[in-house]
Amino acid sequence: MQRGTLETIVGAMFAGKTSELLKKILWVKHQQKKILVLKPIIDNRYSEKLISTHNNITHECYSIANWTDARKRFDFNTENLDTLFLDEVQFMKADETLENIDELLNSGINVVCAGLDQDSRGKPWETSSLLLGLADKITKIYGFCNICGQEATKTYRKNKGGERTQVGASDVYEPRCLKHWKPQ
């Protein structure tokens, strides 16, 4: 049996990570492949049952609390699944995500995941970083700075302080270039 492939899509907020993931979902579905789309339950910005871009392009998904929850709900084998898609992967627990993805890849299932590579303070998200190291293909995408319009590689938090994980959209964050970004 051939090992599955891992593709990782990363970037700052508003770069188009979920749009890129949706493009890949549509392509795999067009090939009549069996897919499953998951996201962490913490991502409740738009809907529990949809992954959604900031401009409201959506696809059905299942929200999971953790990998134990996912394993109870779904039978991950090549008879049922060709490709697993994961959105907002930075919110998934690093060690169990890596372990489960490695197991899926070894069983011949492809995995495509999307998530932030850094938090608003410029620190790498552990899960995303580890998946980048394991990835067969990496796509890094960029947004446009809300101040100058140049390429944005950073996520700027509008309000200073708070917990590292603060789920939000344009009410909380905006894309910034390095010149106009500061850690918050």
N, C-alpha and C. Protein backbone atom coordinates (compact mmCIF):
# COMPACT_ATOMS: atom_id res chain seq x y z
N MET A 1 0.84 -1.19 0.00
CA MET A 1 0.00 0.00 0.00
C MET A 1 0.89 1.24 0.00
N GLN A 2 0.50 2.19 -0.83
CA GLN A 2 1.27 3.43 -0.92
C GLN A 2 0.86 4.39 0.19
N ARG A 3 1.84 5.06 0.77
CA ARG A 3 1.58 6.05 1.81
C ARG A 3 0.83 7.23 1.21
N GLY A 4 -0.11 7.78 1.98
CA GLY A 4 -0.83 8.98 1.56
C GLY A 4 0.10 10.18 1.57
N THR A 5 -0.36 11.28 1.00
CA THR A 5 0.43 12.51 0.99
C THR A 5 -0.20 13.54 1.92
N LEU A 6 0.66 14.38 2.49
CA LEU A 6 0.22 15.45 3.37
C LEU A 6 0.52 16.78 2.70
N GLU A 7 -0.52 17.58 2.53
CA GLU A 7 -0.37 18.94 2.02
C GLU A 7 -0.79 19.90 3.11
N THR A 8 0.03 20.91 3.35
CA THR A 8 -0.25 21.88 4.40
C THR A 8 -0.31 23.28 3.79
N ILE A 9 -1.41 23.98 4.09
CA ILE A 9 -1.64 25.35 3.61
C ILE A 9 -1.55 26.26 4.83
N VAL A 10 -0.64 27.23 4.79
CA VAL A 10 -0.47 28.13 5.94
C VAL A 10 -0.41 29.59 5.47
N GLY A 11 -0.59 30.48 6.43
CA GLY A 11 -0.50 31.91 6.19
C GLY A 11 -1.16 32.66 7.32
N ALA A 12 -1.19 33.97 7.19
CA ALA A 12 -1.83 34.84 8.18
C ALA A 12 -3.34 34.83 7.97
N MET A 13 -4.05 35.46 8.89
CA MET A 13 -5.49 35.59 8.71
C MET A 13 -5.78 36.43 7.48
N PHE A 14 -6.87 36.12 6.81
CA PHE A 14 -7.36 36.82 5.62
C PHE A 14 -6.44 36.64 4.41
N ALA A 15 -5.62 35.58 4.43
CA ALA A 15 -4.75 35.31 3.28
C ALA A 15 -5.46 34.44 2.25
N GLY A 16 -6.47 33.70 2.64
CA GLY A 16 -7.19 32.82 1.72
C GLY A 16 -6.91 31.35 1.93
N LYS A 17 -6.53 30.96 3.16
CA LYS A 17 -6.23 29.54 3.45
C LYS A 17 -7.45 28.66 3.24
N THR A 18 -8.59 29.07 3.76
CA THR A 18 -9.81 28.26 3.61
C THR A 18 -10.27 28.26 2.15
N SER A 19 -10.10 29.35 1.46
CA SER A 19 -10.43 29.38 0.02
C SER A 19 -9.58 28.37 -0.74
N GLU A 20 -8.30 28.31 -0.42
CA GLU A 20 -7.40 27.34 -1.06
C GLU A 20 -7.82 25.91 -0.71
N LEU A 21 -8.19 25.69 0.54
CA LEU A 21 -8.66 24.37 0.98
C LEU A 21 -9.93 23.99 0.21
N LEU A 22 -10.86 24.94 0.07
CA LEU A 22 -12.11 24.68 -0.66
C LEU A 22 -11.83 24.33 -2.12
N LYS A 23 -10.87 25.00 -2.72
CA LYS A 23 -10.49 24.69 -4.10
C LYS A 23 -10.03 23.24 -4.21
N LYS A 24 -9.24 22.80 -3.25
CA LYS A 24 -8.74 21.42 -3.26
C LYS A 24 -9.87 20.43 -2.98
N ILE A 25 -10.79 20.78 -2.09
CA ILE A 25 -11.95 19.93 -1.82
C ILE A 25 -12.75 19.73 -3.10
N LEU A 26 -13.04 20.81 -3.81
CA LEU A 26 -13.83 20.71 -5.04
C LEU A 26 -13.12 19.87 -6.10
N TRP A 27 -11.80 19.99 -6.19
CA TRP A 27 -11.04 19.21 -7.16
C TRP A 27 -11.11 17.72 -6.84
N VAL A 28 -10.93 17.35 -5.58
CA VAL A 28 -10.97 15.94 -5.18
C VAL A 28 -12.39 15.39 -5.37
N LYS A 29 -13.41 16.18 -5.03
CA LYS A 29 -14.79 15.74 -5.25
C LYS A 29 -15.08 15.55 -6.74
N HIS A 30 -14.53 16.43 -7.56
CA HIS A 30 -14.70 16.32 -9.01
C HIS A 30 -14.14 15.00 -9.53
N GLN A 31 -13.13 14.48 -8.87
CA GLN A 31 -12.53 13.20 -9.25
C GLN A 31 -13.31 12.01 -8.67
N GLN A 32 -14.46 12.29 -8.06
CA GLN A 32 -15.32 11.24 -7.50
C GLN A 32 -14.67 10.50 -6.34
N LYS A 33 -13.80 11.20 -5.59
CA LYS A 33 -13.12 10.60 -4.44
C LYS A 33 -13.96 10.79 -3.18
N LYS A 34 -13.71 9.93 -2.20
CA LYS A 34 -14.43 10.00 -0.92
C LYS A 34 -13.66 10.95 0.00
N ILE A 35 -14.37 11.95 0.52
CA ILE A 35 -13.72 12.95 1.35
C ILE A 35 -14.41 13.09 2.70
N LEU A 36 -13.68 13.67 3.63
CA LEU A 36 -14.22 14.06 4.92
C LEU A 36 -13.57 15.38 5.29
N VAL A 37 -14.37 16.33 5.76
CA VAL A 37 -13.87 17.64 6.15
C VAL A 37 -14.13 17.83 7.64
N LEU A 38 -13.05 18.13 8.38
CA LEU A 38 -13.15 18.32 9.83
C LEU A 38 -12.56 19.67 10.21
N LYS A 39 -13.06 20.20 11.31
CA LYS A 39 -12.47 21.38 11.93
C LYS A 39 -12.64 21.28 13.43
N PRO A 40 -11.81 21.98 14.21
CA PRO A 40 -11.96 21.94 15.66
C PRO A 40 -13.21 22.69 16.09
N ILE A 41 -13.86 22.19 17.11
CA ILE A 41 -15.12 22.76 17.57
C ILE A 41 -14.97 24.19 18.08
N ILE A 42 -13.75 24.58 18.45
CA ILE A 42 -13.50 25.94 18.94
C ILE A 42 -13.77 26.98 17.86
N ASP A 43 -13.66 26.59 16.58
CA ASP A 43 -13.90 27.54 15.49
C ASP A 43 -15.40 27.66 15.25
N ASN A 44 -16.02 28.53 16.02
CA ASN A 44 -17.47 28.71 15.96
C ASN A 44 -17.85 30.08 15.38
N ARG A 45 -16.94 30.67 14.60
CA ARG A 45 -17.18 32.02 14.08
C ARG A 45 -18.39 32.10 13.17
N TYR A 46 -18.57 31.14 12.30
CA TYR A 46 -19.63 31.22 11.31
C TYR A 46 -20.67 30.13 11.48
N SER A 47 -20.21 28.88 11.65
CA SER A 47 -21.14 27.76 11.76
C SER A 47 -20.38 26.55 12.27
N GLU A 48 -21.07 25.71 13.04
CA GLU A 48 -20.47 24.48 13.52
C GLU A 48 -20.39 23.43 12.42
N LYS A 49 -21.28 23.54 11.42
CA LYS A 49 -21.38 22.50 10.39
C LYS A 49 -20.80 22.92 9.05
N LEU A 50 -20.09 24.05 9.01
CA LEU A 50 -19.51 24.53 7.77
C LEU A 50 -18.10 25.06 8.01
N ILE A 51 -17.21 24.82 7.03
CA ILE A 51 -16.02 25.65 6.99
C ILE A 51 -16.43 26.82 6.11
N SER A 52 -15.91 28.00 6.41
CA SER A 52 -16.38 29.19 5.72
C SER A 52 -15.25 30.18 5.52
N THR A 53 -15.21 30.76 4.33
CA THR A 53 -14.26 31.84 4.09
C THR A 53 -14.86 33.11 4.71
N HIS A 54 -14.05 34.14 4.81
CA HIS A 54 -14.53 35.40 5.38
C HIS A 54 -15.55 36.07 4.48
N ASN A 55 -15.60 35.68 3.20
CA ASN A 55 -16.63 36.23 2.31
C ASN A 55 -17.75 35.21 2.06
N ASN A 56 -17.90 34.27 3.00
CA ASN A 56 -19.06 33.39 3.09
C ASN A 56 -19.17 32.33 1.99
N ILE A 57 -18.06 31.81 1.51
CA ILE A 57 -18.08 30.62 0.66
C ILE A 57 -17.89 29.44 1.61
N THR A 58 -18.76 28.45 1.51
CA THR A 58 -18.80 27.40 2.54
C THR A 58 -18.76 25.99 1.96
N HIS A 59 -18.50 25.05 2.84
CA HIS A 59 -18.61 23.63 2.53
C HIS A 59 -18.95 22.91 3.84
N GLU A 60 -19.73 21.84 3.73
CA GLU A 60 -20.11 21.07 4.91
C GLU A 60 -18.87 20.49 5.59
N CYS A 61 -18.94 20.41 6.90
CA CYS A 61 -17.86 19.80 7.66
C CYS A 61 -18.42 19.26 8.97
N TYR A 62 -17.57 18.59 9.72
CA TYR A 62 -17.90 18.13 11.05
C TYR A 62 -16.95 18.79 12.03
N SER A 63 -17.51 19.32 13.10
CA SER A 63 -16.68 19.90 14.15
C SER A 63 -16.34 18.81 15.16
N ILE A 64 -15.07 18.77 15.56
CA ILE A 64 -14.63 17.75 16.51
C ILE A 64 -13.99 18.42 17.73
N ALA A 65 -14.19 17.79 18.87
CA ALA A 65 -13.57 18.28 20.11
C ALA A 65 -12.10 17.88 20.16
N ASN A 66 -11.81 16.67 19.66
CA ASN A 66 -10.44 16.14 19.67
C ASN A 66 -10.42 14.91 18.76
N TRP A 67 -9.26 14.26 18.68
CA TRP A 67 -9.14 13.09 17.80
C TRP A 67 -9.88 11.87 18.34
N THR A 68 -10.03 11.76 19.65
CA THR A 68 -10.83 10.66 20.21
C THR A 68 -12.26 10.78 19.73
N ASP A 69 -12.78 12.00 19.77
CA ASP A 69 -14.13 12.29 19.26
C ASP A 69 -14.22 11.91 17.78
N ALA A 70 -13.23 12.30 17.00
CA ALA A 70 -13.23 11.99 15.55
C ALA A 70 -13.21 10.49 15.32
N ARG A 71 -12.39 9.77 16.07
CA ARG A 71 -12.27 8.31 15.90
C ARG A 71 -13.56 7.59 16.27
N LYS A 72 -14.29 8.13 17.24
CA LYS A 72 -15.58 7.52 17.63
C LYS A 72 -16.63 7.74 16.55
N ARG A 73 -16.59 8.89 15.88
CA ARG A 73 -17.61 9.26 14.90
C ARG A 73 -17.35 8.72 13.50
N PHE A 74 -16.07 8.51 13.15
CA PHE A 74 -15.73 8.16 11.78
C PHE A 74 -14.79 6.96 11.73
N ASP A 75 -14.99 6.13 10.71
CA ASP A 75 -14.13 4.98 10.48
C ASP A 75 -13.12 5.37 9.42
N PHE A 76 -11.91 5.69 9.85
CA PHE A 76 -10.86 6.16 8.95
C PHE A 76 -10.17 4.98 8.29
N ASN A 77 -10.65 4.61 7.10
CA ASN A 77 -9.96 3.58 6.30
C ASN A 77 -10.17 3.90 4.83
N THR A 78 -9.37 3.29 3.98
CA THR A 78 -9.39 3.63 2.55
C THR A 78 -10.66 3.17 1.83
N GLU A 79 -11.45 2.31 2.45
CA GLU A 79 -12.74 1.96 1.85
C GLU A 79 -13.72 3.12 1.97
N ASN A 80 -13.59 3.90 3.05
CA ASN A 80 -14.51 5.00 3.31
C ASN A 80 -13.96 6.37 2.93
N LEU A 81 -12.64 6.46 2.78
CA LEU A 81 -12.02 7.78 2.70
C LEU A 81 -10.77 7.78 1.83
N ASP A 82 -10.74 8.71 0.88
CA ASP A 82 -9.54 8.92 0.08
C ASP A 82 -8.72 10.09 0.63
N THR A 83 -9.42 11.19 0.98
CA THR A 83 -8.73 12.39 1.44
C THR A 83 -9.47 13.00 2.63
N LEU A 84 -8.69 13.31 3.66
CA LEU A 84 -9.20 14.03 4.83
C LEU A 84 -8.75 15.48 4.73
N PHE A 85 -9.69 16.40 4.89
CA PHE A 85 -9.40 17.82 4.89
C PHE A 85 -9.59 18.37 6.30
N LEU A 86 -8.62 19.14 6.76
CA LEU A 86 -8.68 19.74 8.10
C LEU A 86 -8.53 21.25 7.98
N ASP A 87 -9.44 22.00 8.57
CA ASP A 87 -9.33 23.46 8.58
C ASP A 87 -9.03 23.92 10.00
N GLU A 88 -8.39 25.08 10.12
CA GLU A 88 -8.02 25.67 11.41
C GLU A 88 -7.21 24.69 12.26
N VAL A 89 -6.26 24.04 11.61
CA VAL A 89 -5.47 22.97 12.25
C VAL A 89 -4.65 23.48 13.44
N GLN A 90 -4.36 24.78 13.49
CA GLN A 90 -3.57 25.32 14.60
C GLN A 90 -4.27 25.13 15.94
N PHE A 91 -5.59 24.97 15.93
CA PHE A 91 -6.35 24.80 17.17
C PHE A 91 -6.42 23.34 17.63
N MET A 92 -5.88 22.42 16.85
CA MET A 92 -5.89 21.00 17.22
C MET A 92 -4.65 20.70 18.05
N LYS A 93 -4.79 19.79 19.00
CA LYS A 93 -3.68 19.43 19.88
C LYS A 93 -2.55 18.80 19.06
N ALA A 94 -1.35 19.34 19.21
CA ALA A 94 -0.22 19.00 18.35
C ALA A 94 0.13 17.51 18.35
N ASP A 95 0.37 16.93 19.51
CA ASP A 95 0.87 15.55 19.56
C ASP A 95 -0.15 14.56 19.02
N GLU A 96 -1.41 14.69 19.40
CA GLU A 96 -2.41 13.73 18.91
C GLU A 96 -2.73 13.96 17.44
N THR A 97 -2.63 15.19 16.97
CA THR A 97 -2.87 15.47 15.56
C THR A 97 -1.77 14.84 14.71
N LEU A 98 -0.54 15.03 15.11
CA LEU A 98 0.58 14.44 14.38
C LEU A 98 0.48 12.92 14.36
N GLU A 99 0.17 12.34 15.50
CA GLU A 99 0.06 10.87 15.61
C GLU A 99 -1.04 10.34 14.69
N ASN A 100 -2.20 11.00 14.71
CA ASN A 100 -3.33 10.54 13.90
C ASN A 100 -3.09 10.76 12.41
N ILE A 101 -2.53 11.89 12.05
CA ILE A 101 -2.25 12.14 10.64
C ILE A 101 -1.21 11.16 10.12
N ASP A 102 -0.19 10.89 10.90
CA ASP A 102 0.82 9.92 10.47
C ASP A 102 0.19 8.55 10.26
N GLU A 103 -0.71 8.15 11.15
CA GLU A 103 -1.41 6.87 11.01
C GLU A 103 -2.27 6.84 9.74
N LEU A 104 -2.98 7.94 9.49
CA LEU A 104 -3.81 8.02 8.28
C LEU A 104 -2.95 7.94 7.03
N LEU A 105 -1.85 8.68 7.01
CA LEU A 105 -0.94 8.65 5.86
C LEU A 105 -0.40 7.24 5.63
N ASN A 106 -0.01 6.56 6.72
CA ASN A 106 0.51 5.20 6.60
C ASN A 106 -0.53 4.22 6.09
N SER A 107 -1.82 4.54 6.30
CA SER A 107 -2.88 3.66 5.82
C SER A 107 -3.29 3.98 4.38
N GLY A 108 -2.64 5.00 3.76
CA GLY A 108 -2.93 5.32 2.37
C GLY A 108 -3.90 6.46 2.16
N ILE A 109 -4.31 7.12 3.23
CA ILE A 109 -5.26 8.25 3.13
C ILE A 109 -4.46 9.55 2.98
N ASN A 110 -4.87 10.37 2.03
CA ASN A 110 -4.25 11.68 1.85
C ASN A 110 -4.84 12.67 2.85
N VAL A 111 -4.05 13.65 3.26
CA VAL A 111 -4.51 14.66 4.20
C VAL A 111 -4.11 16.03 3.66
N VAL A 112 -5.08 16.95 3.67
CA VAL A 112 -4.82 18.34 3.31
C VAL A 112 -5.30 19.18 4.48
N CYS A 113 -4.40 20.00 5.03
CA CYS A 113 -4.79 20.81 6.18
C CYS A 113 -4.44 22.27 5.96
N ALA A 114 -5.21 23.13 6.60
CA ALA A 114 -4.99 24.57 6.50
C ALA A 114 -5.02 25.18 7.88
N GLY A 115 -4.18 26.18 8.09
CA GLY A 115 -4.18 26.86 9.38
C GLY A 115 -3.18 27.99 9.44
N LEU A 116 -3.27 28.72 10.51
CA LEU A 116 -2.32 29.80 10.76
C LEU A 116 -0.96 29.23 11.07
N ASP A 117 0.09 29.85 10.56
CA ASP A 117 1.43 29.41 10.93
C ASP A 117 1.95 30.16 12.15
N GLN A 118 1.42 31.37 12.42
CA GLN A 118 1.85 32.17 13.57
C GLN A 118 0.64 32.77 14.27
N ASP A 119 0.79 33.06 15.55
CA ASP A 119 -0.25 33.78 16.27
C ASP A 119 -0.05 35.28 16.08
N SER A 120 -0.90 36.08 16.70
CA SER A 120 -0.83 37.53 16.53
C SER A 120 0.39 38.14 17.22
N ARG A 121 1.09 37.34 18.00
CA ARG A 121 2.32 37.80 18.66
C ARG A 121 3.57 37.38 17.86
N GLY A 122 3.35 36.71 16.72
CA GLY A 122 4.45 36.30 15.87
C GLY A 122 5.08 34.98 16.26
N LYS A 123 4.46 34.25 17.17
CA LYS A 123 4.98 32.95 17.62
C LYS A 123 4.36 31.84 16.78
N PRO A 124 5.18 30.87 16.37
CA PRO A 124 4.64 29.76 15.57
C PRO A 124 3.61 28.92 16.35
N TRP A 125 2.55 28.53 15.67
CA TRP A 125 1.61 27.57 16.25
C TRP A 125 2.27 26.20 16.17
N GLU A 126 2.28 25.47 17.25
CA GLU A 126 2.99 24.19 17.33
C GLU A 126 2.46 23.17 16.33
N THR A 127 1.15 23.02 16.26
CA THR A 127 0.57 22.01 15.37
C THR A 127 0.93 22.32 13.91
N SER A 128 0.75 23.56 13.52
CA SER A 128 1.08 23.94 12.14
C SER A 128 2.55 23.72 11.84
N SER A 129 3.42 24.10 12.77
CA SER A 129 4.88 23.94 12.58
C SER A 129 5.26 22.48 12.39
N LEU A 130 4.71 21.60 13.22
CA LEU A 130 5.04 20.18 13.12
C LEU A 130 4.51 19.58 11.82
N LEU A 131 3.33 20.01 11.40
CA LEU A 131 2.78 19.50 10.15
C LEU A 131 3.58 20.00 8.95
N LEU A 132 4.10 21.22 9.03
CA LEU A 132 4.97 21.72 7.96
C LEU A 132 6.20 20.84 7.81
N GLY A 133 6.74 20.38 8.93
CA GLY A 133 7.91 19.50 8.89
C GLY A 133 7.61 18.14 8.28
N LEU A 134 6.38 17.68 8.41
CA LEU A 134 5.96 16.37 7.91
C LEU A 134 5.41 16.44 6.48
N ALA A 135 5.07 17.64 6.02
CA ALA A 135 4.35 17.82 4.75
C ALA A 135 5.14 17.39 3.53
N ASP A 136 4.42 16.82 2.57
CA ASP A 136 4.97 16.51 1.25
C ASP A 136 4.88 17.74 0.35
N LYS A 137 3.88 18.59 0.60
CA LYS A 137 3.70 19.81 -0.18
C LYS A 137 3.26 20.92 0.77
N ILE A 138 3.86 22.10 0.61
CA ILE A 138 3.53 23.25 1.45
C ILE A 138 3.08 24.40 0.55
N THR A 139 1.97 25.02 0.90
CA THR A 139 1.51 26.21 0.22
C THR A 139 1.42 27.32 1.26
N LYS A 140 2.23 28.36 1.08
CA LYS A 140 2.16 29.52 1.98
C LYS A 140 1.53 30.64 1.18
N ILE A 141 0.45 31.19 1.74
CA ILE A 141 -0.24 32.25 1.02
C ILE A 141 -0.28 33.52 1.87
N TYR A 142 -0.46 34.64 1.19
CA TYR A 142 -0.35 35.95 1.83
C TYR A 142 -1.59 36.77 1.56
N GLY A 143 -1.91 37.60 2.52
CA GLY A 143 -2.99 38.56 2.34
C GLY A 143 -2.42 39.90 1.92
N PHE A 144 -3.20 40.94 2.12
CA PHE A 144 -2.78 42.29 1.81
C PHE A 144 -2.92 43.17 3.05
N CYS A 145 -1.91 43.93 3.34
CA CYS A 145 -1.88 44.77 4.54
C CYS A 145 -3.02 45.77 4.52
N ASN A 146 -3.75 45.85 5.63
CA ASN A 146 -4.87 46.78 5.74
C ASN A 146 -4.40 48.24 5.75
N ILE A 147 -3.13 48.49 6.01
CA ILE A 147 -2.61 49.86 6.06
C ILE A 147 -2.10 50.31 4.69
N CYS A 148 -1.22 49.51 4.07
CA CYS A 148 -0.55 49.96 2.84
C CYS A 148 -0.87 49.12 1.60
N GLY A 149 -1.50 47.98 1.77
CA GLY A 149 -1.84 47.14 0.62
C GLY A 149 -0.73 46.21 0.16
N GLN A 150 0.44 46.27 0.80
CA GLN A 150 1.54 45.37 0.45
C GLN A 150 1.24 43.96 0.97
N GLU A 151 2.06 43.01 0.56
CA GLU A 151 1.89 41.61 0.99
C GLU A 151 1.90 41.51 2.52
N ALA A 152 0.89 40.86 3.05
CA ALA A 152 0.76 40.72 4.51
C ALA A 152 1.16 39.30 4.93
N THR A 153 2.14 39.21 5.81
CA THR A 153 2.59 37.92 6.33
C THR A 153 2.22 37.74 7.79
N LYS A 154 1.63 38.75 8.39
CA LYS A 154 1.34 38.74 9.83
C LYS A 154 -0.14 38.96 10.10
N THR A 155 -0.58 38.44 11.24
CA THR A 155 -1.92 38.67 11.74
C THR A 155 -1.82 39.69 12.87
N TYR A 156 -2.51 40.81 12.72
CA TYR A 156 -2.49 41.87 13.72
C TYR A 156 -3.75 41.79 14.57
N ARG A 157 -3.57 41.74 15.89
CA ARG A 157 -4.72 41.76 16.80
C ARG A 157 -5.01 43.21 17.16
N LYS A 158 -6.23 43.63 16.93
CA LYS A 158 -6.60 45.04 17.12
C LYS A 158 -6.56 45.48 18.58
N ASN A 159 -6.86 44.55 19.49
CA ASN A 159 -6.84 44.88 20.92
C ASN A 159 -5.69 44.18 21.59
N LYS A 160 -4.96 44.91 22.38
CA LYS A 160 -3.77 44.40 23.05
C LYS A 160 -4.15 43.43 24.17
N GLY A 161 -3.30 42.40 24.35
CA GLY A 161 -3.46 41.48 25.47
C GLY A 161 -4.46 40.38 25.22
N GLY A 162 -4.80 39.68 26.30
CA GLY A 162 -5.74 38.58 26.20
C GLY A 162 -5.03 37.26 25.99
N GLU A 163 -5.82 36.21 25.94
CA GLU A 163 -5.28 34.86 25.74
C GLU A 163 -4.69 34.72 24.35
N ARG A 164 -3.79 33.76 24.21
CA ARG A 164 -3.19 33.50 22.90
C ARG A 164 -4.26 33.13 21.88
N THR A 165 -5.16 32.25 22.27
CA THR A 165 -6.24 31.81 21.39
C THR A 165 -7.46 32.67 21.64
N GLN A 166 -7.77 33.51 20.68
CA GLN A 166 -8.98 34.33 20.72
C GLN A 166 -9.62 34.19 19.35
N VAL A 167 -10.67 33.39 19.27
CA VAL A 167 -11.33 33.14 18.00
C VAL A 167 -12.06 34.42 17.59
N GLY A 168 -11.83 34.83 16.36
CA GLY A 168 -12.48 36.03 15.85
C GLY A 168 -12.23 36.20 14.38
N ALA A 169 -12.82 37.25 13.84
CA ALA A 169 -12.65 37.56 12.42
C ALA A 169 -12.17 39.00 12.32
N SER A 170 -12.72 39.76 11.38
CA SER A 170 -12.25 41.13 11.16
C SER A 170 -12.58 42.05 12.33
N ASP A 171 -13.45 41.59 13.23
CA ASP A 171 -13.73 42.37 14.43
C ASP A 171 -12.53 42.36 15.39
N VAL A 172 -11.67 41.35 15.28
CA VAL A 172 -10.55 41.17 16.20
C VAL A 172 -9.20 41.29 15.49
N TYR A 173 -9.11 40.84 14.25
CA TYR A 173 -7.83 40.74 13.55
C TYR A 173 -7.86 41.42 12.19
N GLU A 174 -6.66 41.72 11.69
CA GLU A 174 -6.52 42.16 10.31
C GLU A 174 -5.13 41.77 9.81
N PRO A 175 -4.99 41.62 8.48
CA PRO A 175 -3.68 41.28 7.92
C PRO A 175 -2.79 42.52 7.88
N ARG A 176 -1.49 42.30 8.16
CA ARG A 176 -0.54 43.41 8.13
C ARG A 176 0.79 42.94 7.54
N CYS A 177 1.48 43.87 6.89
CA CYS A 177 2.85 43.63 6.46
C CYS A 177 3.74 43.80 7.69
N LEU A 178 4.98 43.40 7.57
CA LEU A 178 5.90 43.47 8.70
C LEU A 178 6.09 44.91 9.18
N LYS A 179 6.11 45.86 8.25
CA LYS A 179 6.30 47.27 8.60
C LYS A 179 5.18 47.79 9.49
N HIS A 180 3.94 47.35 9.26
CA HIS A 180 2.78 47.88 9.99
C HIS A 180 2.25 46.93 11.07
N TRP A 181 2.97 45.87 11.34
CA TRP A 181 2.55 44.89 12.35
C TRP A 181 3.37 45.08 13.62
N LYS A 182 2.73 44.80 14.73
CA LYS A 182 3.44 44.69 16.01
C LYS A 182 2.74 43.58 16.80
N PRO A 183 3.51 42.85 17.61
CA PRO A 183 2.88 41.77 18.37
C PRO A 183 1.93 42.29 19.42
N GLN A 184 0.73 41.69 19.50
CA GLN A 184 -0.26 42.09 20.52
C GLN A 184 -0.96 40.86 21.02
